[in-house]
Amino acid sequence: MLNALWLILRTLAKNRRLLMEMAKRDLSDRYSGQILGKVWGFVHPAATVGVFLFIFGAVFQAKASSVGVDFPADHAVYMVSGLIPWLVVAEVISRSSASISGNAALVKQVVFPLEILPVKMVMATLPTMIIGFAGLTAYVLIRFGTLPASYLMLPAAVAILYVFLIGVAFMISAIAIFFRDLKDIVQLYTLLGLYLAPIFYFINWVPENFRVVLYLNPVTYFVMIFHDLAYHGAIQSPPVWGAALVLSLLSVVLGALVFSRLKPHFGSYL
């Protein structure tokens, strides 16, 4: 298992320039032919975060206060800090199913390093993460005049999440070639997963008998570590961070193994 991961890491390191160029092209291709072009890559995540902060930070908060409902601290920060990583997760898993099958011409080129395709797709989501948390940081500064020191740990949380996503992208992209129904399963998960993680609500609001459903969703742990840093201002539950780290490492190791084992058969099924 570790040997498969090492071989993939060595391939990525050897072709790092190609990886970076393809990640950039992945971003530019989305908006090719449009007047504003890459500007939309900034507008989409900024507008999404801005709308949620306005609705939940101004409208929702004011309405809740008028009927005597009090939320701890600023609930908009809680929701948006969980929503941003979810947007990245949803994009990665929804696009992973076509990251290999949608590049049949490259797959049939013996010399092309296929490991680049899932990774460049994951890397292309970084602007969403960066712009989203930049907007949230600006909101917190304007709202409270200061930032918790825990914001300095956000890059660590991002790194843990992205290692997990690279592993997931390897697994989904490889399996989807042989099991075409996986695309529909992934679509169903992106629809339901938003509500099966504590993004909009606190986990202690859920009856204890049903919390196990949330903990079976791996995204829950990653959402919670971002809540710790951006909302709580401290690590609230070290076991959750440990679980997120273990899931991240298991994902990338298993993903590398699955991809390596199935890679020789890609060309026969495309």
C-alpha atoms as a PDB file:
ATOM      1  CA  MET A   1       0.000   0.000   0.000  1.00  0.00           C
ATOM      2  CA  LEU A   2       2.724   2.449   0.949  1.00  0.00           C
ATOM      3  CA  ASN A   3       4.721   1.438  -2.114  1.00  0.00           C
ATOM      4  CA  ALA A   4       1.777   2.422  -4.352  1.00  0.00           C
ATOM      5  CA  LEU A   5       1.586   5.807  -2.625  1.00  0.00           C
ATOM      6  CA  TRP A   6       5.339   6.315  -2.968  1.00  0.00           C
ATOM      7  CA  LEU A   7       5.261   5.565  -6.687  1.00  0.00           C
ATOM      8  CA  ILE A   8       2.428   8.038  -7.235  1.00  0.00           C
ATOM      9  CA  LEU A   9       4.166  10.740  -5.191  1.00  0.00           C
ATOM     10  CA  ARG A  10       7.347  10.195  -7.193  1.00  0.00           C
ATOM     11  CA  THR A  11       5.399  10.483 -10.459  1.00  0.00           C
ATOM     12  CA  LEU A  12       3.725  13.700  -9.312  1.00  0.00           C
ATOM     13  CA  ALA A  13       7.032  15.183  -8.174  1.00  0.00           C
ATOM     14  CA  LYS A  14       8.679  14.291 -11.481  1.00  0.00           C
ATOM     15  CA  ASN A  15       5.850  15.919 -13.439  1.00  0.00           C
ATOM     16  CA  ARG A  16       5.130  18.826 -11.073  1.00  0.00           C
ATOM     17  CA  ARG A  17       5.397  21.470 -13.804  1.00  0.00           C
ATOM     18  CA  LEU A  18       2.912  19.620 -15.982  1.00  0.00           C
ATOM     19  CA  LEU A  19       0.645  19.227 -12.948  1.00  0.00           C
ATOM     20  CA  MET A  20       0.674  22.963 -12.239  1.00  0.00           C
ATOM     21  CA  GLU A  21       0.048  23.862 -15.877  1.00  0.00           C
ATOM     22  CA  MET A  22      -2.857  21.437 -16.149  1.00  0.00           C
ATOM     23  CA  ALA A  23      -4.385  22.739 -12.916  1.00  0.00           C
ATOM     24  CA  LYS A  24      -4.212  26.274 -14.330  1.00  0.00           C
ATOM     25  CA  ARG A  25      -5.730  25.085 -17.599  1.00  0.00           C
ATOM     26  CA  ASP A  26      -8.507  23.336 -15.673  1.00  0.00           C
ATOM     27  CA  LEU A  27      -9.451  26.711 -14.209  1.00  0.00           C
ATOM     28  CA  SER A  28      -9.175  28.663 -17.446  1.00  0.00           C
ATOM     29  CA  ASP A  29     -11.081  26.080 -19.515  1.00  0.00           C
ATOM     30  CA  ARG A  30     -14.177  26.513 -17.349  1.00  0.00           C
ATOM     31  CA  TYR A  31     -14.568  30.106 -18.476  1.00  0.00           C
ATOM     32  CA  SER A  32     -13.080  29.957 -21.968  1.00  0.00           C
ATOM     33  CA  GLY A  33     -14.986  32.051 -24.488  1.00  0.00           C
ATOM     34  CA  GLN A  34     -16.563  34.231 -21.786  1.00  0.00           C
ATOM     35  CA  ILE A  35     -15.948  37.974 -21.687  1.00  0.00           C
ATOM     36  CA  LEU A  36     -14.877  38.092 -18.035  1.00  0.00           C
ATOM     37  CA  GLY A  37     -12.987  34.811 -18.268  1.00  0.00           C
ATOM     38  CA  LYS A  38     -11.084  33.931 -15.086  1.00  0.00           C
ATOM     39  CA  VAL A  39     -12.804  36.745 -13.186  1.00  0.00           C
ATOM     40  CA  TRP A  40     -15.726  34.351 -12.740  1.00  0.00           C
ATOM     41  CA  GLY A  41     -13.399  32.106 -10.740  1.00  0.00           C
ATOM     42  CA  PHE A  42     -13.313  34.872  -8.128  1.00  0.00           C
ATOM     43  CA  VAL A  43     -16.908  36.053  -8.488  1.00  0.00           C
ATOM     44  CA  HIS A  44     -18.599  32.673  -7.912  1.00  0.00           C
ATOM     45  CA  PRO A  45     -17.082  31.782  -4.494  1.00  0.00           C
ATOM     46  CA  ALA A  46     -17.057  35.428  -3.335  1.00  0.00           C
ATOM     47  CA  ALA A  47     -20.735  35.869  -4.244  1.00  0.00           C
ATOM     48  CA  THR A  48     -21.697  32.570  -2.573  1.00  0.00           C
ATOM     49  CA  VAL A  49     -19.971  33.483   0.695  1.00  0.00           C
ATOM     50  CA  GLY A  50     -21.289  37.050   0.540  1.00  0.00           C
ATOM     51  CA  VAL A  51     -24.891  35.946   0.076  1.00  0.00           C
ATOM     52  CA  PHE A  52     -24.726  33.436   2.938  1.00  0.00           C
ATOM     53  CA  LEU A  53     -23.099  35.969   5.268  1.00  0.00           C
ATOM     54  CA  PHE A  54     -25.804  38.502   4.442  1.00  0.00           C
ATOM     55  CA  ILE A  55     -28.698  36.080   4.816  1.00  0.00           C
ATOM     56  CA  PHE A  56     -27.513  34.381   7.996  1.00  0.00           C
ATOM     57  CA  GLY A  57     -25.477  37.222   9.479  1.00  0.00           C
ATOM     58  CA  ALA A  58     -28.020  40.005   8.953  1.00  0.00           C
ATOM     59  CA  VAL A  59     -31.476  38.780   7.940  1.00  0.00           C
ATOM     60  CA  PHE A  60     -31.604  35.464   9.790  1.00  0.00           C
ATOM     61  CA  GLN A  61     -29.867  36.774  12.910  1.00  0.00           C
ATOM     62  CA  ALA A  62     -32.154  39.802  13.140  1.00  0.00           C
ATOM     63  CA  LYS A  63     -35.273  37.668  12.675  1.00  0.00           C
ATOM     64  CA  ALA A  64     -34.134  35.163  15.290  1.00  0.00           C
ATOM     65  CA  SER A  65     -33.445  37.965  17.785  1.00  0.00           C
ATOM     66  CA  SER A  66     -36.892  39.489  17.179  1.00  0.00           C
ATOM     67  CA  VAL A  67     -38.609  36.259  18.268  1.00  0.00           C
ATOM     68  CA  GLY A  68     -36.308  35.714  21.238  1.00  0.00           C
ATOM     69  CA  VAL A  69     -34.054  33.033  19.755  1.00  0.00           C
ATOM     70  CA  ASP A  70     -30.398  33.517  20.666  1.00  0.00           C
ATOM     71  CA  PHE A  71     -27.522  31.765  18.940  1.00  0.00           C
ATOM     72  CA  PRO A  72     -24.091  31.499  20.547  1.00  0.00           C
ATOM     73  CA  ALA A  73     -21.738  34.054  18.983  1.00  0.00           C
ATOM     74  CA  ASP A  74     -22.288  34.790  15.282  1.00  0.00           C
ATOM     75  CA  HIS A  75     -24.074  31.832  13.729  1.00  0.00           C
ATOM     76  CA  ALA A  76     -23.214  33.076  10.216  1.00  0.00           C
ATOM     77  CA  VAL A  77     -19.517  32.413  10.913  1.00  0.00           C
ATOM     78  CA  TYR A  78     -20.380  28.890  12.049  1.00  0.00           C
ATOM     79  CA  MET A  79     -22.385  28.076   8.944  1.00  0.00           C
ATOM     80  CA  VAL A  80     -20.063  29.659   6.386  1.00  0.00           C
ATOM     81  CA  SER A  81     -16.936  28.088   7.930  1.00  0.00           C
ATOM     82  CA  GLY A  82     -18.573  24.700   7.391  1.00  0.00           C
ATOM     83  CA  LEU A  83     -20.066  25.549   4.007  1.00  0.00           C
ATOM     84  CA  ILE A  84     -16.754  26.523   2.354  1.00  0.00           C
ATOM     85  CA  PRO A  85     -15.055  23.121   2.820  1.00  0.00           C
ATOM     86  CA  TRP A  86     -18.309  21.404   1.808  1.00  0.00           C
ATOM     87  CA  LEU A  87     -18.379  23.327  -1.498  1.00  0.00           C
ATOM     88  CA  VAL A  88     -14.866  22.056  -2.207  1.00  0.00           C
ATOM     89  CA  VAL A  89     -15.745  18.483  -1.204  1.00  0.00           C
ATOM     90  CA  ALA A  90     -18.881  18.509  -3.370  1.00  0.00           C
ATOM     91  CA  GLU A  91     -16.978  19.804  -6.399  1.00  0.00           C
ATOM     92  CA  VAL A  92     -14.194  17.239  -6.037  1.00  0.00           C
ATOM     93  CA  ILE A  93     -16.396  14.178  -5.644  1.00  0.00           C
ATOM     94  CA  SER A  94     -18.814  15.256  -8.389  1.00  0.00           C
ATOM     95  CA  ARG A  95     -16.000  15.875 -10.919  1.00  0.00           C
ATOM     96  CA  SER A  96     -13.874  12.883  -9.917  1.00  0.00           C
ATOM     97  CA  SER A  97     -16.118  10.366 -11.649  1.00  0.00           C
ATOM     98  CA  ALA A  98     -15.223  11.908 -15.032  1.00  0.00           C
ATOM     99  CA  SER A  99     -11.618  12.957 -14.406  1.00  0.00           C
ATOM    100  CA  ILE A 100     -10.245   9.813 -16.097  1.00  0.00           C
ATOM    101  CA  SER A 101     -13.152   8.716 -18.303  1.00  0.00           C
ATOM    102  CA  GLY A 102     -13.467  12.235 -19.698  1.00  0.00           C
ATOM    103  CA  ASN A 103      -9.852  12.169 -20.903  1.00  0.00           C
ATOM    104  CA  ALA A 104      -9.847   8.974 -22.946  1.00  0.00           C
ATOM    105  CA  ALA A 105      -7.379  10.391 -25.468  1.00  0.00           C
ATOM    106  CA  LEU A 106      -4.787  11.016 -22.740  1.00  0.00           C
ATOM    107  CA  VAL A 107      -5.423   7.646 -21.122  1.00  0.00           C
ATOM    108  CA  LYS A 108      -4.490   5.869 -24.353  1.00  0.00           C
ATOM    109  CA  GLN A 109      -1.173   7.711 -24.532  1.00  0.00           C
ATOM    110  CA  VAL A 110       1.243   5.327 -22.867  1.00  0.00           C
ATOM    111  CA  VAL A 111       3.688   8.048 -21.822  1.00  0.00           C
ATOM    112  CA  PHE A 112       1.160  10.336 -20.119  1.00  0.00           C
ATOM    113  CA  PRO A 113       1.197  10.203 -16.268  1.00  0.00           C
ATOM    114  CA  LEU A 114      -2.484   9.565 -15.483  1.00  0.00           C
ATOM    115  CA  GLU A 115      -1.946  10.303 -11.793  1.00  0.00           C
ATOM    116  CA  ILE A 116      -1.983  13.991 -12.713  1.00  0.00           C
ATOM    117  CA  LEU A 117      -5.636  14.010 -13.817  1.00  0.00           C
ATOM    118  CA  PRO A 118      -7.330  13.519 -10.399  1.00  0.00           C
ATOM    119  CA  VAL A 119      -4.773  15.679  -8.573  1.00  0.00           C
ATOM    120  CA  LYS A 120      -4.981  18.659 -10.947  1.00  0.00           C
ATOM    121  CA  MET A 121      -8.763  18.584 -10.591  1.00  0.00           C
ATOM    122  CA  VAL A 122      -8.441  18.740  -6.777  1.00  0.00           C
ATOM    123  CA  MET A 123      -5.882  21.560  -6.997  1.00  0.00           C
ATOM    124  CA  ALA A 124      -8.243  23.565  -9.209  1.00  0.00           C
ATOM    125  CA  THR A 125     -10.597  23.959  -6.208  1.00  0.00           C
ATOM    126  CA  LEU A 126      -8.006  25.895  -4.176  1.00  0.00           C
ATOM    127  CA  PRO A 127      -9.278  29.328  -5.353  1.00  0.00           C
ATOM    128  CA  THR A 128     -12.726  28.492  -3.931  1.00  0.00           C
ATOM    129  CA  MET A 129     -11.186  27.632  -0.568  1.00  0.00           C
ATOM    130  CA  ILE A 130      -8.856  30.644  -0.480  1.00  0.00           C
ATOM    131  CA  ILE A 131     -11.415  33.211  -1.649  1.00  0.00           C
ATOM    132  CA  GLY A 132     -14.092  31.763   0.623  1.00  0.00           C
ATOM    133  CA  PHE A 133     -12.010  32.018   3.784  1.00  0.00           C
ATOM    134  CA  ALA A 134     -10.620  35.399   2.745  1.00  0.00           C
ATOM    135  CA  GLY A 135     -14.206  36.666   2.594  1.00  0.00           C
ATOM    136  CA  LEU A 136     -15.038  35.065   5.944  1.00  0.00           C
ATOM    137  CA  THR A 137     -11.901  36.561   7.504  1.00  0.00           C
ATOM    138  CA  ALA A 138     -12.849  40.013   6.235  1.00  0.00           C
ATOM    139  CA  TYR A 139     -16.355  39.593   7.684  1.00  0.00           C
ATOM    140  CA  VAL A 140     -15.001  38.568  11.106  1.00  0.00           C
ATOM    141  CA  LEU A 141     -12.581  41.516  11.137  1.00  0.00           C
ATOM    142  CA  ILE A 142     -15.337  43.980  10.239  1.00  0.00           C
ATOM    143  CA  ARG A 143     -17.818  42.417  12.661  1.00  0.00           C
ATOM    144  CA  PHE A 144     -15.562  41.967  15.688  1.00  0.00           C
ATOM    145  CA  GLY A 145     -12.499  44.114  14.929  1.00  0.00           C
ATOM    146  CA  THR A 146     -10.102  41.234  15.578  1.00  0.00           C
ATOM    147  CA  LEU A 147      -9.347  37.638  14.592  1.00  0.00           C
ATOM    148  CA  PRO A 148      -8.887  34.635  16.890  1.00  0.00           C
ATOM    149  CA  ALA A 149      -5.334  33.308  16.891  1.00  0.00           C
ATOM    150  CA  SER A 150      -6.782  29.988  15.737  1.00  0.00           C
ATOM    151  CA  TYR A 151      -7.122  31.421  12.206  1.00  0.00           C
ATOM    152  CA  LEU A 152      -3.358  30.881  11.875  1.00  0.00           C
ATOM    153  CA  MET A 153      -4.065  27.129  11.892  1.00  0.00           C
ATOM    154  CA  LEU A 154      -6.443  27.245   8.920  1.00  0.00           C
ATOM    155  CA  PRO A 155      -3.681  26.205   6.458  1.00  0.00           C
ATOM    156  CA  ALA A 156      -3.164  23.039   8.535  1.00  0.00           C
ATOM    157  CA  ALA A 157      -6.886  22.218   8.336  1.00  0.00           C
ATOM    158  CA  VAL A 158      -6.844  22.886   4.584  1.00  0.00           C
ATOM    159  CA  ALA A 159      -3.851  20.554   4.151  1.00  0.00           C
ATOM    160  CA  ILE A 160      -5.585  17.744   6.077  1.00  0.00           C
ATOM    161  CA  LEU A 161      -8.733  18.154   3.971  1.00  0.00           C
ATOM    162  CA  TYR A 162      -6.869  18.222   0.652  1.00  0.00           C
ATOM    163  CA  VAL A 163      -4.860  15.077   1.411  1.00  0.00           C
ATOM    164  CA  PHE A 164      -8.203  13.378   2.091  1.00  0.00           C
ATOM    165  CA  LEU A 165      -9.680  14.728  -1.154  1.00  0.00           C
ATOM    166  CA  ILE A 166      -6.734  13.575  -3.266  1.00  0.00           C
ATOM    167  CA  GLY A 167      -7.267  10.054  -1.962  1.00  0.00           C
ATOM    168  CA  VAL A 168     -11.015  10.264  -2.638  1.00  0.00           C
ATOM    169  CA  ALA A 169     -10.357  11.589  -6.156  1.00  0.00           C
ATOM    170  CA  PHE A 170      -8.014   8.679  -6.899  1.00  0.00           C
ATOM    171  CA  MET A 171     -10.587   6.129  -5.724  1.00  0.00           C
ATOM    172  CA  ILE A 172     -13.659   7.608  -7.423  1.00  0.00           C
ATOM    173  CA  SER A 173     -11.896   8.362 -10.714  1.00  0.00           C
ATOM    174  CA  ALA A 174     -10.557   4.814 -10.984  1.00  0.00           C
ATOM    175  CA  ILE A 175     -13.661   2.922  -9.848  1.00  0.00           C
ATOM    176  CA  ALA A 176     -16.037   5.034 -11.970  1.00  0.00           C
ATOM    177  CA  ILE A 177     -14.503   3.624 -15.162  1.00  0.00           C
ATOM    178  CA  PHE A 178     -15.674   0.113 -14.273  1.00  0.00           C
ATOM    179  CA  PHE A 179     -18.771   0.979 -12.221  1.00  0.00           C
ATOM    180  CA  ARG A 180     -20.647   3.675 -14.138  1.00  0.00           C
ATOM    181  CA  ASP A 181     -23.447   3.874 -11.553  1.00  0.00           C
ATOM    182  CA  LEU A 182     -20.958   5.489  -9.179  1.00  0.00           C
ATOM    183  CA  LYS A 183     -21.643   8.826 -10.863  1.00  0.00           C
ATOM    184  CA  ASP A 184     -25.287   8.706  -9.768  1.00  0.00           C
ATOM    185  CA  ILE A 185     -24.365   7.596  -6.256  1.00  0.00           C
ATOM    186  CA  VAL A 186     -22.005  10.553  -5.999  1.00  0.00           C
ATOM    187  CA  GLN A 187     -24.706  12.944  -7.234  1.00  0.00           C
ATOM    188  CA  LEU A 188     -27.099  11.622  -4.586  1.00  0.00           C
ATOM    189  CA  TYR A 189     -24.457  12.107  -1.907  1.00  0.00           C
ATOM    190  CA  THR A 190     -23.759  15.697  -2.949  1.00  0.00           C
ATOM    191  CA  LEU A 191     -27.492  16.349  -2.606  1.00  0.00           C
ATOM    192  CA  LEU A 192     -27.870  14.758   0.831  1.00  0.00           C
ATOM    193  CA  GLY A 193     -24.378  15.260   2.256  1.00  0.00           C
ATOM    194  CA  LEU A 194     -24.968  18.955   2.864  1.00  0.00           C
ATOM    195  CA  TYR A 195     -27.507  17.993   5.529  1.00  0.00           C
ATOM    196  CA  LEU A 196     -25.697  14.907   6.851  1.00  0.00           C
ATOM    197  CA  ALA A 197     -22.861  17.022   8.263  1.00  0.00           C
ATOM    198  CA  PRO A 198     -23.221  19.703  10.976  1.00  0.00           C
ATOM    199  CA  ILE A 199     -22.830  22.629   8.602  1.00  0.00           C
ATOM    200  CA  PHE A 200     -25.939  24.635   9.436  1.00  0.00           C
ATOM    201  CA  TYR A 201     -26.682  23.194  12.872  1.00  0.00           C
ATOM    202  CA  PHE A 202     -24.732  22.247  15.994  1.00  0.00           C
ATOM    203  CA  ILE A 203     -24.166  18.550  16.429  1.00  0.00           C
ATOM    204  CA  ASN A 204     -25.586  18.653  19.973  1.00  0.00           C
ATOM    205  CA  TRP A 205     -28.910  19.775  18.486  1.00  0.00           C
ATOM    206  CA  VAL A 206     -29.275  16.306  16.956  1.00  0.00           C
ATOM    207  CA  PRO A 207     -30.841  13.616  19.182  1.00  0.00           C
ATOM    208  CA  GLU A 208     -28.169  11.256  20.455  1.00  0.00           C
ATOM    209  CA  ASN A 209     -29.754   8.249  18.714  1.00  0.00           C
ATOM    210  CA  PHE A 210     -29.253   9.934  15.317  1.00  0.00           C
ATOM    211  CA  ARG A 211     -25.784  11.406  15.825  1.00  0.00           C
ATOM    212  CA  VAL A 212     -24.197   8.154  14.695  1.00  0.00           C
ATOM    213  CA  VAL A 213     -25.484   8.948  11.184  1.00  0.00           C
ATOM    214  CA  LEU A 214     -23.491  12.178  11.185  1.00  0.00           C
ATOM    215  CA  TYR A 215     -20.365  10.499  12.502  1.00  0.00           C
ATOM    216  CA  LEU A 216     -20.583   7.890   9.739  1.00  0.00           C
ATOM    217  CA  ASN A 217     -20.238  10.731   7.254  1.00  0.00           C
ATOM    218  CA  PRO A 218     -16.474  11.364   6.955  1.00  0.00           C
ATOM    219  CA  VAL A 219     -17.014  14.980   5.901  1.00  0.00           C
ATOM    220  CA  THR A 220     -18.417  15.671   9.397  1.00  0.00           C
ATOM    221  CA  TYR A 221     -14.941  15.518  10.938  1.00  0.00           C
ATOM    222  CA  PHE A 222     -13.458  17.952   8.435  1.00  0.00           C
ATOM    223  CA  VAL A 223     -16.344  20.398   8.851  1.00  0.00           C
ATOM    224  CA  MET A 224     -15.883  20.259  12.622  1.00  0.00           C
ATOM    225  CA  ILE A 225     -12.171  21.105  12.516  1.00  0.00           C
ATOM    226  CA  PHE A 226     -12.943  24.197  10.429  1.00  0.00           C
ATOM    227  CA  HIS A 227     -15.675  25.136  12.928  1.00  0.00           C
ATOM    228  CA  ASP A 228     -13.108  24.838  15.716  1.00  0.00           C
ATOM    229  CA  LEU A 229     -10.703  27.283  14.103  1.00  0.00           C
ATOM    230  CA  ALA A 230     -13.061  29.795  12.472  1.00  0.00           C
ATOM    231  CA  TYR A 231     -15.950  29.804  14.955  1.00  0.00           C
ATOM    232  CA  HIS A 232     -14.906  28.424  18.345  1.00  0.00           C
ATOM    233  CA  GLY A 233     -11.433  29.960  18.211  1.00  0.00           C
ATOM    234  CA  ALA A 234      -9.793  26.849  19.664  1.00  0.00           C
ATOM    235  CA  ILE A 235      -9.561  23.089  19.228  1.00  0.00           C
ATOM    236  CA  GLN A 236     -12.711  21.906  20.979  1.00  0.00           C
ATOM    237  CA  SER A 237     -12.286  18.171  20.483  1.00  0.00           C
ATOM    238  CA  PRO A 238      -8.815  16.677  19.901  1.00  0.00           C
ATOM    239  CA  PRO A 239     -10.352  13.256  19.044  1.00  0.00           C
ATOM    240  CA  VAL A 240     -12.181  14.854  16.097  1.00  0.00           C
ATOM    241  CA  TRP A 241      -8.861  16.251  14.813  1.00  0.00           C
ATOM    242  CA  GLY A 242      -7.288  12.818  15.287  1.00  0.00           C
ATOM    243  CA  ALA A 243     -10.127  11.187  13.348  1.00  0.00           C
ATOM    244  CA  ALA A 244      -9.788  13.740  10.532  1.00  0.00           C
ATOM    245  CA  LEU A 245      -6.043  13.110  10.292  1.00  0.00           C
ATOM    246  CA  VAL A 246      -6.490   9.313  10.276  1.00  0.00           C
ATOM    247  CA  LEU A 247      -9.221   9.541   7.612  1.00  0.00           C
ATOM    248  CA  SER A 248      -6.983  11.777   5.547  1.00  0.00           C
ATOM    249  CA  LEU A 249      -4.029   9.391   5.645  1.00  0.00           C
ATOM    250  CA  LEU A 250      -6.174   6.293   5.067  1.00  0.00           C
ATOM    251  CA  SER A 251      -7.876   7.974   2.122  1.00  0.00           C
ATOM    252  CA  VAL A 252      -4.667   8.876   0.297  1.00  0.00           C
ATOM    253  CA  VAL A 253      -3.049   5.473   0.934  1.00  0.00           C
ATOM    254  CA  LEU A 254      -6.124   3.472  -0.140  1.00  0.00           C
ATOM    255  CA  GLY A 255      -6.764   5.835  -3.036  1.00  0.00           C
ATOM    256  CA  ALA A 256      -3.228   5.371  -4.315  1.00  0.00           C
ATOM    257  CA  LEU A 257      -3.530   1.591  -3.997  1.00  0.00           C
ATOM    258  CA  VAL A 258      -6.864   1.401  -5.834  1.00  0.00           C
ATOM    259  CA  PHE A 259      -5.655   3.718  -8.595  1.00  0.00           C
ATOM    260  CA  SER A 260      -2.400   1.788  -9.070  1.00  0.00           C
ATOM    261  CA  ARG A 261      -4.163  -1.576  -9.235  1.00  0.00           C
ATOM    262  CA  LEU A 262      -6.838  -0.444 -11.713  1.00  0.00           C
ATOM    263  CA  LYS A 263      -4.702   1.863 -13.863  1.00  0.00           C
ATOM    264  CA  PRO A 264      -3.385  -0.876 -16.242  1.00  0.00           C
ATOM    265  CA  HIS A 265      -6.995  -1.681 -17.222  1.00  0.00           C
ATOM    266  CA  PHE A 266      -8.226   1.844 -17.956  1.00  0.00           C
ATOM    267  CA  GLY A 267      -7.537   1.712 -21.677  1.00  0.00           C
ATOM    268  CA  SER A 268      -9.517  -1.512 -22.142  1.00  0.00           C
ATOM    269  CA  TYR A 269     -12.719   0.031 -20.734  1.00  0.00           C
ATOM    270  CA  LEU A 270     -12.582   3.428 -22.426  1.00  0.00           C
END
